[in-house]
Structures are given as C-alpha cells and as structure tokens.
Amino acid sequence: METEQQRKERERQEDLQRLRGLRPIDDDFMRCLFRENIPLTQHVLRVLTCKDNLTITNVETQADMKRLVGARSICLDAYGTDDTGKKYDLEVQRADKGAGTHRARYHSSAMDIDNLDAGQEFDELPETYTIFITENDIYKKGLPFYPIERVNMATGDLFGDGEHILYVNGAYRGEDEIGKLMHDFSCSDPDDMINKDLADRTRYFKETEEGVEVVCKVMEDMRNETSVRTYIEACIDFGIKDKEEIIKKLLEKFKFLTKTQAEKYFPQ
C-alpha cells in the first residue's frame, strides 16, 4: 500500500503529464488562464459577443453561485462584470451533455439569484449572458454562434427580459475572429496559437516553474473540491441534514479543511 507521500508524488507526476496536453477549452486550465486576467477575459468576451467596445471591470474564476439553502450549487468557470453592470458567465464544455439546455437555464437563474438582494425591485436585475463554448458543434449547423433568446410566441417579438444564452461552436474554424479564437482554444502548444496574449499566458503556465506550480495546485484543489462535495451529497443521501453534523464529519474526513472553509459549502 502506498504512503501518503507516495500518493502525493504519484498525483503530481500525473498532473505534470496531464498539463502538457491541456488546452484553453479544458476547464481546469481555462480557469488558470482567466484568473485575475481582465484583458484576456475582455478580449474573449468581445469576440464572443461581437461588442468591440465591451469593457470588463472584474472577473472571478470558480465563482460559487449557491445562495439558496438546499439548492444545488454551481461554480462558474469565469464570471465577469462590465462597466455597465452586465454579468457574463463563460463556461467551457468538452462533453456535449455538459452543456444541456437545462444547465444553461440553471446557470442563468443562478446569476439572477446572486444579483438581486432583499428589498430590491425586479427591474434592478442586471442583463446577463450565459455563454457555453462547446468542443463540438452540438447543433450541427456549422455556425460559429447559436444565440438563444426568449420570444413572445404570439407577436414574434423578443421578450426583452435581459437574459441571453449563447452557445459557441468550438469546432468552428472560419477565417474570422471567432474562428481564430476557437482554433486557439483547441491548441495545447502555445506555439500553434494565433493570439499572442493567449499564447503567452498558456506558455507561462506550461513552461515556467511558477506557472506549473499554480496549475498543479489548481488540479489538486479541484480533486479536493470534488471529494468534499461528493461526501456532502453522500451525507445528505444517507439522511444527515444538520449542517453542523456534516461539517463535523467533513473535518474528521478531510484534514486539509478548516472549519471556516467547510462552512463555505453551506451559504446562509
């Protein structure tokens, strides 16, 4: 049986091997690329939304959107805000089933819940964009974009509720900006990328000691995050509903967790 130290070393070597093949369309790596990187986020969102004057003021990665007790939580890959208050959820999905219509609906709803506090009017909800970049052309029409909007079926007019859902065809390879961007999102070698900023960012995380450490830490954190959430779901399935009891079990099971960290899985 391998020791704890041997397990960690094995996992690190596996992570280094995996790192060589990672691309921007892989969610773990995408989160590294966009973390605290407003210029890159802004460039990508400008291309995807066709808004050349879009100005992003803030970006978060792995933003937790759970604000209703008992509701399913989601972590957004990249969550941006522009200078007019509009919100952008940018997701990458390699598996077609991971970008289903109901998931897009839930992501959009989660942003609504996160952006309207008690006492606010419904009209204060910000305009939101839920964007899924899928590795395959899930609608099989060969188009770069598939915009989804609510429509008044009686009049044919847009409903105008400020909710926008956009599917981006990651397999599209046109000579336009979106085609070039999707080409780069599928590259594991920065030397093959067209966009210099994306190539330089990719090169940093793959070829510098500091960058490699960051990605390996992210992959380790993702493993831990998955383990914790799976354990919480198992507790609930077994009928354990009390938050404090579950937190106690988490601290016993996962020695890397502090009580403060464990409590973050149960937002008020």
C-alpha atoms as a PDB file:
ATOM      1  CA  MET A   1       0.000   0.000   0.000  1.00  0.00           C
ATOM      2  CA  GLU A   2       1.417   3.398  -0.956  1.00  0.00           C
ATOM      3  CA  THR A   3       2.110   6.005   1.701  1.00  0.00           C
ATOM      4  CA  GLU A   4       0.522   9.452   1.750  1.00  0.00           C
ATOM      5  CA  GLN A   5       3.772  10.946   0.437  1.00  0.00           C
ATOM      6  CA  GLN A   6       3.928   8.394  -2.377  1.00  0.00           C
ATOM      7  CA  ARG A   7       0.325   9.121  -3.307  1.00  0.00           C
ATOM      8  CA  LYS A   8       1.008  12.853  -3.493  1.00  0.00           C
ATOM      9  CA  GLU A   9       4.103  12.320  -5.633  1.00  0.00           C
ATOM     10  CA  ARG A  10       2.190   9.987  -7.959  1.00  0.00           C
ATOM     11  CA  GLU A  11      -0.611  12.504  -8.330  1.00  0.00           C
ATOM     12  CA  ARG A  12       1.888  15.287  -9.025  1.00  0.00           C
ATOM     13  CA  GLN A  13       3.567  13.290 -11.805  1.00  0.00           C
ATOM     14  CA  GLU A  14       0.122  12.539 -13.253  1.00  0.00           C
ATOM     15  CA  ASP A  15      -0.698  16.256 -13.118  1.00  0.00           C
ATOM     16  CA  LEU A  16       2.528  17.182 -14.925  1.00  0.00           C
ATOM     17  CA  GLN A  17       1.757  14.670 -17.645  1.00  0.00           C
ATOM     18  CA  ARG A  18      -1.786  15.985 -17.967  1.00  0.00           C
ATOM     19  CA  LEU A  19      -0.575  19.598 -18.055  1.00  0.00           C
ATOM     20  CA  ARG A  20       1.288  19.020 -21.306  1.00  0.00           C
ATOM     21  CA  GLY A  21      -1.946  18.194 -23.097  1.00  0.00           C
ATOM     22  CA  LEU A  22      -4.190  20.836 -21.512  1.00  0.00           C
ATOM     23  CA  ARG A  23      -5.904  23.395 -23.756  1.00  0.00           C
ATOM     24  CA  PRO A  24      -7.936  26.544 -23.028  1.00  0.00           C
ATOM     25  CA  ILE A  25     -11.108  24.537 -23.646  1.00  0.00           C
ATOM     26  CA  ASP A  26     -10.245  22.329 -20.647  1.00  0.00           C
ATOM     27  CA  ASP A  27     -11.995  23.903 -17.672  1.00  0.00           C
ATOM     28  CA  ASP A  28      -9.182  23.493 -15.098  1.00  0.00           C
ATOM     29  CA  PHE A  29      -6.704  25.179 -17.414  1.00  0.00           C
ATOM     30  CA  MET A  30      -9.176  27.796 -18.617  1.00  0.00           C
ATOM     31  CA  ARG A  31      -9.692  28.925 -15.028  1.00  0.00           C
ATOM     32  CA  CYS A  32      -5.935  29.410 -14.649  1.00  0.00           C
ATOM     33  CA  LEU A  33      -5.739  31.431 -17.862  1.00  0.00           C
ATOM     34  CA  PHE A  34      -8.570  33.779 -16.882  1.00  0.00           C
ATOM     35  CA  ARG A  35      -7.845  34.140 -13.169  1.00  0.00           C
ATOM     36  CA  GLU A  36      -7.343  37.845 -12.381  1.00  0.00           C
ATOM     37  CA  ASN A  37      -6.763  38.462 -16.087  1.00  0.00           C
ATOM     38  CA  ILE A  38      -9.190  41.171 -17.153  1.00  0.00           C
ATOM     39  CA  PRO A  39      -7.514  41.942 -20.534  1.00  0.00           C
ATOM     40  CA  LEU A  40      -7.763  38.317 -21.724  1.00  0.00           C
ATOM     41  CA  THR A  41     -11.324  37.952 -20.434  1.00  0.00           C
ATOM     42  CA  GLN A  42     -12.284  41.192 -22.152  1.00  0.00           C
ATOM     43  CA  HIS A  43     -10.741  40.147 -25.470  1.00  0.00           C
ATOM     44  CA  VAL A  44     -12.520  36.783 -25.474  1.00  0.00           C
ATOM     45  CA  LEU A  45     -15.887  38.269 -24.490  1.00  0.00           C
ATOM     46  CA  ARG A  46     -15.564  40.993 -27.134  1.00  0.00           C
ATOM     47  CA  VAL A  47     -15.116  38.322 -29.793  1.00  0.00           C
ATOM     48  CA  LEU A  48     -17.927  36.119 -28.472  1.00  0.00           C
ATOM     49  CA  THR A  49     -20.474  38.916 -28.017  1.00  0.00           C
ATOM     50  CA  CYS A  50     -19.376  40.919 -31.088  1.00  0.00           C
ATOM     51  CA  LYS A  51     -19.094  44.006 -28.858  1.00  0.00           C
ATOM     52  CA  ASP A  52     -15.860  45.766 -29.777  1.00  0.00           C
ATOM     53  CA  ASN A  53     -16.299  48.393 -27.065  1.00  0.00           C
ATOM     54  CA  LEU A  54     -17.048  45.967 -24.221  1.00  0.00           C
ATOM     55  CA  THR A  55     -15.121  46.941 -21.070  1.00  0.00           C
ATOM     56  CA  ILE A  56     -14.726  44.310 -18.347  1.00  0.00           C
ATOM     57  CA  THR A  57     -14.120  45.693 -14.852  1.00  0.00           C
ATOM     58  CA  ASN A  58     -13.960  42.478 -12.827  1.00  0.00           C
ATOM     59  CA  VAL A  59     -13.503  38.744 -13.356  1.00  0.00           C
ATOM     60  CA  GLU A  60     -13.743  35.810 -10.959  1.00  0.00           C
ATOM     61  CA  THR A  61     -12.983  32.159 -11.579  1.00  0.00           C
ATOM     62  CA  GLN A  62     -14.760  29.309  -9.792  1.00  0.00           C
ATOM     63  CA  ALA A  63     -17.365  31.747  -8.514  1.00  0.00           C
ATOM     64  CA  ASP A  64     -19.787  29.888  -6.236  1.00  0.00           C
ATOM     65  CA  MET A  65     -23.379  30.759  -7.082  1.00  0.00           C
ATOM     66  CA  LYS A  66     -25.281  28.965  -4.310  1.00  0.00           C
ATOM     67  CA  ARG A  67     -27.391  31.364  -2.245  1.00  0.00           C
ATOM     68  CA  LEU A  68     -30.487  29.275  -1.542  1.00  0.00           C
ATOM     69  CA  VAL A  69     -30.220  26.734   1.271  1.00  0.00           C
ATOM     70  CA  GLY A  70     -30.722  23.247  -0.096  1.00  0.00           C
ATOM     71  CA  ALA A  71     -30.320  24.307  -3.740  1.00  0.00           C
ATOM     72  CA  ARG A  72     -27.704  22.739  -5.975  1.00  0.00           C
ATOM     73  CA  SER A  73     -24.541  24.824  -6.065  1.00  0.00           C
ATOM     74  CA  ILE A  74     -22.548  25.612  -9.198  1.00  0.00           C
ATOM     75  CA  CYS A  75     -19.088  27.104  -9.720  1.00  0.00           C
ATOM     76  CA  LEU A  76     -18.806  29.334 -12.763  1.00  0.00           C
ATOM     77  CA  ASP A  77     -15.646  28.879 -14.843  1.00  0.00           C
ATOM     78  CA  ALA A  78     -15.263  32.629 -15.412  1.00  0.00           C
ATOM     79  CA  TYR A  79     -17.664  35.283 -14.118  1.00  0.00           C
ATOM     80  CA  GLY A  80     -17.196  38.791 -15.476  1.00  0.00           C
ATOM     81  CA  THR A  81     -18.803  42.184 -14.976  1.00  0.00           C
ATOM     82  CA  ASP A  82     -18.656  45.057 -17.459  1.00  0.00           C
ATOM     83  CA  ASP A  83     -18.681  48.796 -16.871  1.00  0.00           C
ATOM     84  CA  THR A  84     -22.484  48.953 -17.261  1.00  0.00           C
ATOM     85  CA  GLY A  85     -23.128  46.215 -14.692  1.00  0.00           C
ATOM     86  CA  LYS A  86     -23.893  43.420 -17.158  1.00  0.00           C
ATOM     87  CA  LYS A  87     -22.842  39.945 -15.991  1.00  0.00           C
ATOM     88  CA  TYR A  88     -21.112  37.272 -18.073  1.00  0.00           C
ATOM     89  CA  ASP A  89     -20.821  33.586 -17.225  1.00  0.00           C
ATOM     90  CA  LEU A  90     -18.251  31.984 -19.531  1.00  0.00           C
ATOM     91  CA  GLU A  91     -18.184  28.169 -19.491  1.00  0.00           C
ATOM     92  CA  VAL A  92     -16.174  25.632 -21.472  1.00  0.00           C
ATOM     93  CA  GLN A  93     -17.626  22.175 -22.073  1.00  0.00           C
ATOM     94  CA  ARG A  94     -15.911  19.295 -23.813  1.00  0.00           C
ATOM     95  CA  ALA A  95     -18.788  16.848 -23.328  1.00  0.00           C
ATOM     96  CA  ASP A  96     -21.971  17.688 -25.250  1.00  0.00           C
ATOM     97  CA  LYS A  97     -24.200  16.580 -22.368  1.00  0.00           C
ATOM     98  CA  GLY A  98     -22.460  19.056 -20.069  1.00  0.00           C
ATOM     99  CA  ALA A  99     -23.944  21.979 -21.994  1.00  0.00           C
ATOM    100  CA  GLY A 100     -27.577  20.898 -21.984  1.00  0.00           C
ATOM    101  CA  THR A 101     -30.429  23.374 -22.209  1.00  0.00           C
ATOM    102  CA  HIS A 102     -31.499  22.887 -18.603  1.00  0.00           C
ATOM    103  CA  ARG A 103     -27.976  23.532 -17.380  1.00  0.00           C
ATOM    104  CA  ALA A 104     -27.880  26.808 -19.305  1.00  0.00           C
ATOM    105  CA  ARG A 105     -31.226  27.729 -17.743  1.00  0.00           C
ATOM    106  CA  TYR A 106     -29.908  26.946 -14.252  1.00  0.00           C
ATOM    107  CA  HIS A 107     -26.714  28.944 -14.733  1.00  0.00           C
ATOM    108  CA  SER A 108     -28.733  31.920 -15.918  1.00  0.00           C
ATOM    109  CA  SER A 109     -31.129  31.624 -12.968  1.00  0.00           C
ATOM    110  CA  ALA A 110     -28.212  31.357 -10.525  1.00  0.00           C
ATOM    111  CA  MET A 111     -26.852  34.688 -11.736  1.00  0.00           C
ATOM    112  CA  ASP A 112     -30.271  36.250 -11.162  1.00  0.00           C
ATOM    113  CA  ILE A 113     -30.402  34.933  -7.592  1.00  0.00           C
ATOM    114  CA  ASP A 114     -26.874  36.187  -6.954  1.00  0.00           C
ATOM    115  CA  ASN A 115     -27.620  39.695  -8.197  1.00  0.00           C
ATOM    116  CA  LEU A 116     -30.889  40.631  -6.509  1.00  0.00           C
ATOM    117  CA  ASP A 117     -30.941  41.244  -2.772  1.00  0.00           C
ATOM    118  CA  ALA A 118     -33.870  41.554  -0.401  1.00  0.00           C
ATOM    119  CA  GLY A 119     -35.700  44.839  -0.922  1.00  0.00           C
ATOM    120  CA  GLN A 120     -34.549  45.365  -4.499  1.00  0.00           C
ATOM    121  CA  GLU A 121     -37.007  45.711  -7.361  1.00  0.00           C
ATOM    122  CA  PHE A 122     -37.106  43.065 -10.084  1.00  0.00           C
ATOM    123  CA  ASP A 123     -36.266  45.729 -12.647  1.00  0.00           C
ATOM    124  CA  GLU A 124     -32.881  46.077 -10.942  1.00  0.00           C
ATOM    125  CA  LEU A 125     -31.796  42.666 -12.218  1.00  0.00           C
ATOM    126  CA  PRO A 126     -28.738  43.133 -14.431  1.00  0.00           C
ATOM    127  CA  GLU A 127     -28.584  41.946 -18.005  1.00  0.00           C
ATOM    128  CA  THR A 128     -26.885  38.534 -18.059  1.00  0.00           C
ATOM    129  CA  TYR A 129     -25.036  36.448 -20.631  1.00  0.00           C
ATOM    130  CA  THR A 130     -24.601  32.712 -20.143  1.00  0.00           C
ATOM    131  CA  ILE A 131     -22.028  31.540 -22.682  1.00  0.00           C
ATOM    132  CA  PHE A 132     -21.102  27.917 -23.332  1.00  0.00           C
ATOM    133  CA  ILE A 133     -18.094  27.164 -25.538  1.00  0.00           C
ATOM    134  CA  THR A 134     -18.587  23.552 -26.601  1.00  0.00           C
ATOM    135  CA  GLU A 135     -15.834  21.451 -28.123  1.00  0.00           C
ATOM    136  CA  ASN A 136     -18.239  20.046 -30.722  1.00  0.00           C
ATOM    137  CA  ASP A 137     -20.887  21.659 -32.907  1.00  0.00           C
ATOM    138  CA  ILE A 138     -23.795  20.457 -30.767  1.00  0.00           C
ATOM    139  CA  TYR A 139     -26.432  21.920 -33.117  1.00  0.00           C
ATOM    140  CA  LYS A 140     -24.623  20.554 -36.205  1.00  0.00           C
ATOM    141  CA  LYS A 141     -25.326  23.568 -38.453  1.00  0.00           C
ATOM    142  CA  GLY A 142     -21.737  24.671 -38.965  1.00  0.00           C
ATOM    143  CA  LEU A 143     -22.388  28.115 -37.481  1.00  0.00           C
ATOM    144  CA  PRO A 144     -19.989  29.873 -35.114  1.00  0.00           C
ATOM    145  CA  PHE A 145     -22.731  31.018 -32.709  1.00  0.00           C
ATOM    146  CA  TYR A 146     -26.164  29.838 -31.596  1.00  0.00           C
ATOM    147  CA  PRO A 147     -27.865  32.720 -29.691  1.00  0.00           C
ATOM    148  CA  ILE A 148     -30.825  31.750 -27.508  1.00  0.00           C
ATOM    149  CA  GLU A 149     -33.435  34.402 -26.655  1.00  0.00           C
ATOM    150  CA  ARG A 150     -36.939  34.302 -25.190  1.00  0.00           C
ATOM    151  CA  VAL A 151     -39.606  35.245 -27.723  1.00  0.00           C
ATOM    152  CA  ASN A 152     -43.250  36.279 -27.382  1.00  0.00           C
ATOM    153  CA  MET A 153     -44.777  33.492 -29.468  1.00  0.00           C
ATOM    154  CA  ALA A 154     -47.940  35.474 -30.224  1.00  0.00           C
ATOM    155  CA  THR A 155     -46.203  38.540 -31.626  1.00  0.00           C
ATOM    156  CA  GLY A 156     -42.801  37.187 -32.636  1.00  0.00           C
ATOM    157  CA  ASP A 157     -41.131  39.973 -30.645  1.00  0.00           C
ATOM    158  CA  LEU A 158     -38.236  39.435 -28.271  1.00  0.00           C
ATOM    159  CA  PHE A 159     -39.375  39.098 -24.666  1.00  0.00           C
ATOM    160  CA  GLY A 160     -36.694  41.543 -23.536  1.00  0.00           C
ATOM    161  CA  ASP A 161     -36.054  40.224 -20.031  1.00  0.00           C
ATOM    162  CA  GLY A 162     -32.310  40.841 -20.279  1.00  0.00           C
ATOM    163  CA  GLU A 163     -31.387  37.141 -20.196  1.00  0.00           C
ATOM    164  CA  HIS A 164     -29.113  35.949 -23.015  1.00  0.00           C
ATOM    165  CA  ILE A 165     -27.787  32.430 -23.620  1.00  0.00           C
ATOM    166  CA  LEU A 166     -25.129  31.808 -26.229  1.00  0.00           C
ATOM    167  CA  TYR A 167     -23.689  28.539 -27.475  1.00  0.00           C
ATOM    168  CA  VAL A 168     -20.322  28.873 -29.224  1.00  0.00           C
ATOM    169  CA  ASN A 169     -19.213  26.195 -31.667  1.00  0.00           C
ATOM    170  CA  GLY A 170     -15.699  25.240 -30.567  1.00  0.00           C
ATOM    171  CA  ALA A 171     -15.216  23.237 -33.765  1.00  0.00           C
ATOM    172  CA  TYR A 172     -15.705  26.305 -35.968  1.00  0.00           C
ATOM    173  CA  ARG A 173     -12.601  27.209 -37.998  1.00  0.00           C
ATOM    174  CA  GLY A 174     -13.568  30.204 -40.122  1.00  0.00           C
ATOM    175  CA  GLU A 175     -11.072  32.919 -41.075  1.00  0.00           C
ATOM    176  CA  ASP A 176     -12.874  35.451 -38.881  1.00  0.00           C
ATOM    177  CA  GLU A 177     -12.029  36.383 -35.277  1.00  0.00           C
ATOM    178  CA  ILE A 178     -14.222  33.698 -33.720  1.00  0.00           C
ATOM    179  CA  GLY A 179     -12.669  31.036 -35.971  1.00  0.00           C
ATOM    180  CA  LYS A 180      -9.168  32.082 -34.922  1.00  0.00           C
ATOM    181  CA  LEU A 181     -10.178  32.139 -31.250  1.00  0.00           C
ATOM    182  CA  MET A 182     -11.713  28.662 -31.397  1.00  0.00           C
ATOM    183  CA  HIS A 183      -8.559  27.406 -33.114  1.00  0.00           C
ATOM    184  CA  ASP A 184      -6.503  28.721 -30.206  1.00  0.00           C
ATOM    185  CA  PHE A 185      -8.876  27.259 -27.608  1.00  0.00           C
ATOM    186  CA  SER A 186      -8.144  23.808 -29.050  1.00  0.00           C
ATOM    187  CA  CYS A 187      -4.336  24.159 -29.021  1.00  0.00           C
ATOM    188  CA  SER A 188      -2.188  22.542 -26.342  1.00  0.00           C
ATOM    189  CA  ASP A 189       1.035  24.044 -27.761  1.00  0.00           C
ATOM    190  CA  PRO A 190       1.256  27.846 -27.397  1.00  0.00           C
ATOM    191  CA  ASP A 191       3.491  27.973 -30.495  1.00  0.00           C
ATOM    192  CA  ASP A 192       0.473  26.888 -32.552  1.00  0.00           C
ATOM    193  CA  MET A 193      -1.753  29.707 -31.265  1.00  0.00           C
ATOM    194  CA  ILE A 194      -2.622  32.794 -33.298  1.00  0.00           C
ATOM    195  CA  ASN A 195      -3.420  35.221 -30.469  1.00  0.00           C
ATOM    196  CA  LYS A 196      -0.193  36.379 -28.803  1.00  0.00           C
ATOM    197  CA  ASP A 197      -1.772  37.188 -25.418  1.00  0.00           C
ATOM    198  CA  LEU A 198      -3.397  33.772 -25.137  1.00  0.00           C
ATOM    199  CA  ALA A 199      -0.192  32.084 -26.318  1.00  0.00           C
ATOM    200  CA  ASP A 200       1.948  33.973 -23.788  1.00  0.00           C
ATOM    201  CA  ARG A 201      -0.461  33.156 -20.965  1.00  0.00           C
ATOM    202  CA  THR A 202      -0.509  29.475 -21.960  1.00  0.00           C
ATOM    203  CA  ARG A 203       3.283  29.421 -22.202  1.00  0.00           C
ATOM    204  CA  TYR A 204       3.595  30.877 -18.696  1.00  0.00           C
ATOM    205  CA  PHE A 205       1.514  28.084 -17.152  1.00  0.00           C
ATOM    206  CA  LYS A 206       3.213  25.322 -19.120  1.00  0.00           C
ATOM    207  CA  GLU A 207       6.839  26.413 -19.317  1.00  0.00           C
ATOM    208  CA  THR A 208       7.704  28.411 -16.179  1.00  0.00           C
ATOM    209  CA  GLU A 209       8.250  26.938 -12.723  1.00  0.00           C
ATOM    210  CA  GLU A 210       5.849  29.421 -11.128  1.00  0.00           C
ATOM    211  CA  GLY A 211       3.111  28.769 -13.678  1.00  0.00           C
ATOM    212  CA  VAL A 212       3.423  24.996 -13.468  1.00  0.00           C
ATOM    213  CA  GLU A 213       3.090  25.153  -9.673  1.00  0.00           C
ATOM    214  CA  VAL A 214      -0.082  27.221  -9.996  1.00  0.00           C
ATOM    215  CA  VAL A 215      -1.731  24.736 -12.363  1.00  0.00           C
ATOM    216  CA  CYS A 216      -0.706  21.725 -10.264  1.00  0.00           C
ATOM    217  CA  LYS A 217      -2.175  23.429  -7.184  1.00  0.00           C
ATOM    218  CA  VAL A 218      -5.413  24.103  -9.068  1.00  0.00           C
ATOM    219  CA  MET A 219      -5.696  20.468 -10.124  1.00  0.00           C
ATOM    220  CA  GLU A 220      -5.058  19.346  -6.542  1.00  0.00           C
ATOM    221  CA  ASP A 221      -7.687  21.785  -5.259  1.00  0.00           C
ATOM    222  CA  MET A 222     -10.162  20.533  -7.855  1.00  0.00           C
ATOM    223  CA  ARG A 223      -9.644  16.950  -6.683  1.00  0.00           C
ATOM    224  CA  ASN A 224     -10.196  18.032  -3.092  1.00  0.00           C
ATOM    225  CA  GLU A 225     -13.241  20.119  -4.043  1.00  0.00           C
ATOM    226  CA  THR A 226     -14.829  17.194  -5.860  1.00  0.00           C
ATOM    227  CA  SER A 227     -14.153  14.867  -2.944  1.00  0.00           C
ATOM    228  CA  VAL A 228     -15.707  17.276  -0.427  1.00  0.00           C
ATOM    229  CA  ARG A 229     -18.836  17.941  -2.493  1.00  0.00           C
ATOM    230  CA  THR A 230     -19.281  14.219  -3.182  1.00  0.00           C
ATOM    231  CA  TYR A 231     -19.011  13.492   0.540  1.00  0.00           C
ATOM    232  CA  ILE A 232     -21.582  16.181   1.386  1.00  0.00           C
ATOM    233  CA  GLU A 233     -24.008  14.731  -1.156  1.00  0.00           C
ATOM    234  CA  ALA A 234     -23.451  11.252   0.307  1.00  0.00           C
ATOM    235  CA  CYS A 235     -24.224  12.550   3.819  1.00  0.00           C
ATOM    236  CA  ILE A 236     -27.471  14.106   2.604  1.00  0.00           C
ATOM    237  CA  ASP A 237     -28.390  10.917   0.721  1.00  0.00           C
ATOM    238  CA  PHE A 238     -27.923   8.974   3.960  1.00  0.00           C
ATOM    239  CA  GLY A 239     -30.351  11.292   5.729  1.00  0.00           C
ATOM    240  CA  ILE A 240     -27.882  13.575   7.509  1.00  0.00           C
ATOM    241  CA  LYS A 241     -29.404  17.037   7.161  1.00  0.00           C
ATOM    242  CA  ASP A 242     -27.920  19.002  10.060  1.00  0.00           C
ATOM    243  CA  LYS A 243     -25.258  21.397   8.817  1.00  0.00           C
ATOM    244  CA  GLU A 244     -23.126  21.238  11.957  1.00  0.00           C
ATOM    245  CA  GLU A 245     -23.118  17.449  11.924  1.00  0.00           C
ATOM    246  CA  ILE A 246     -21.993  17.373   8.305  1.00  0.00           C
ATOM    247  CA  ILE A 247     -19.270  19.951   8.996  1.00  0.00           C
ATOM    248  CA  LYS A 248     -18.020  17.832  11.900  1.00  0.00           C
ATOM    249  CA  LYS A 249     -17.794  14.805   9.624  1.00  0.00           C
ATOM    250  CA  LEU A 250     -16.014  16.852   6.956  1.00  0.00           C
ATOM    251  CA  LEU A 251     -13.346  17.987   9.415  1.00  0.00           C
ATOM    252  CA  GLU A 252     -12.826  14.393  10.544  1.00  0.00           C
ATOM    253  CA  LYS A 253     -12.608  13.103   6.973  1.00  0.00           C
ATOM    254  CA  PHE A 254     -10.593  15.867   5.280  1.00  0.00           C
ATOM    255  CA  LYS A 255      -7.640  17.058   7.360  1.00  0.00           C
ATOM    256  CA  PHE A 256      -6.834  19.868   4.897  1.00  0.00           C
ATOM    257  CA  LEU A 257     -10.154  21.601   5.657  1.00  0.00           C
ATOM    258  CA  THR A 258     -10.564  24.279   8.323  1.00  0.00           C
ATOM    259  CA  LYS A 259     -13.947  24.919   9.884  1.00  0.00           C
ATOM    260  CA  THR A 260     -14.195  28.251   8.048  1.00  0.00           C
ATOM    261  CA  GLN A 261     -13.551  26.507   4.718  1.00  0.00           C
ATOM    262  CA  ALA A 262     -16.113  23.812   5.497  1.00  0.00           C
ATOM    263  CA  GLU A 263     -18.759  26.397   6.397  1.00  0.00           C
ATOM    264  CA  LYS A 264     -18.416  27.968   2.923  1.00  0.00           C
ATOM    265  CA  TYR A 265     -20.127  24.897   1.476  1.00  0.00           C
ATOM    266  CA  PHE A 266     -23.265  25.928   3.389  1.00  0.00           C
ATOM    267  CA  PRO A 267     -24.061  29.574   2.493  1.00  0.00           C
ATOM    268  CA  GLN A 268     -26.682  31.304   4.585  1.00  0.00           C
END
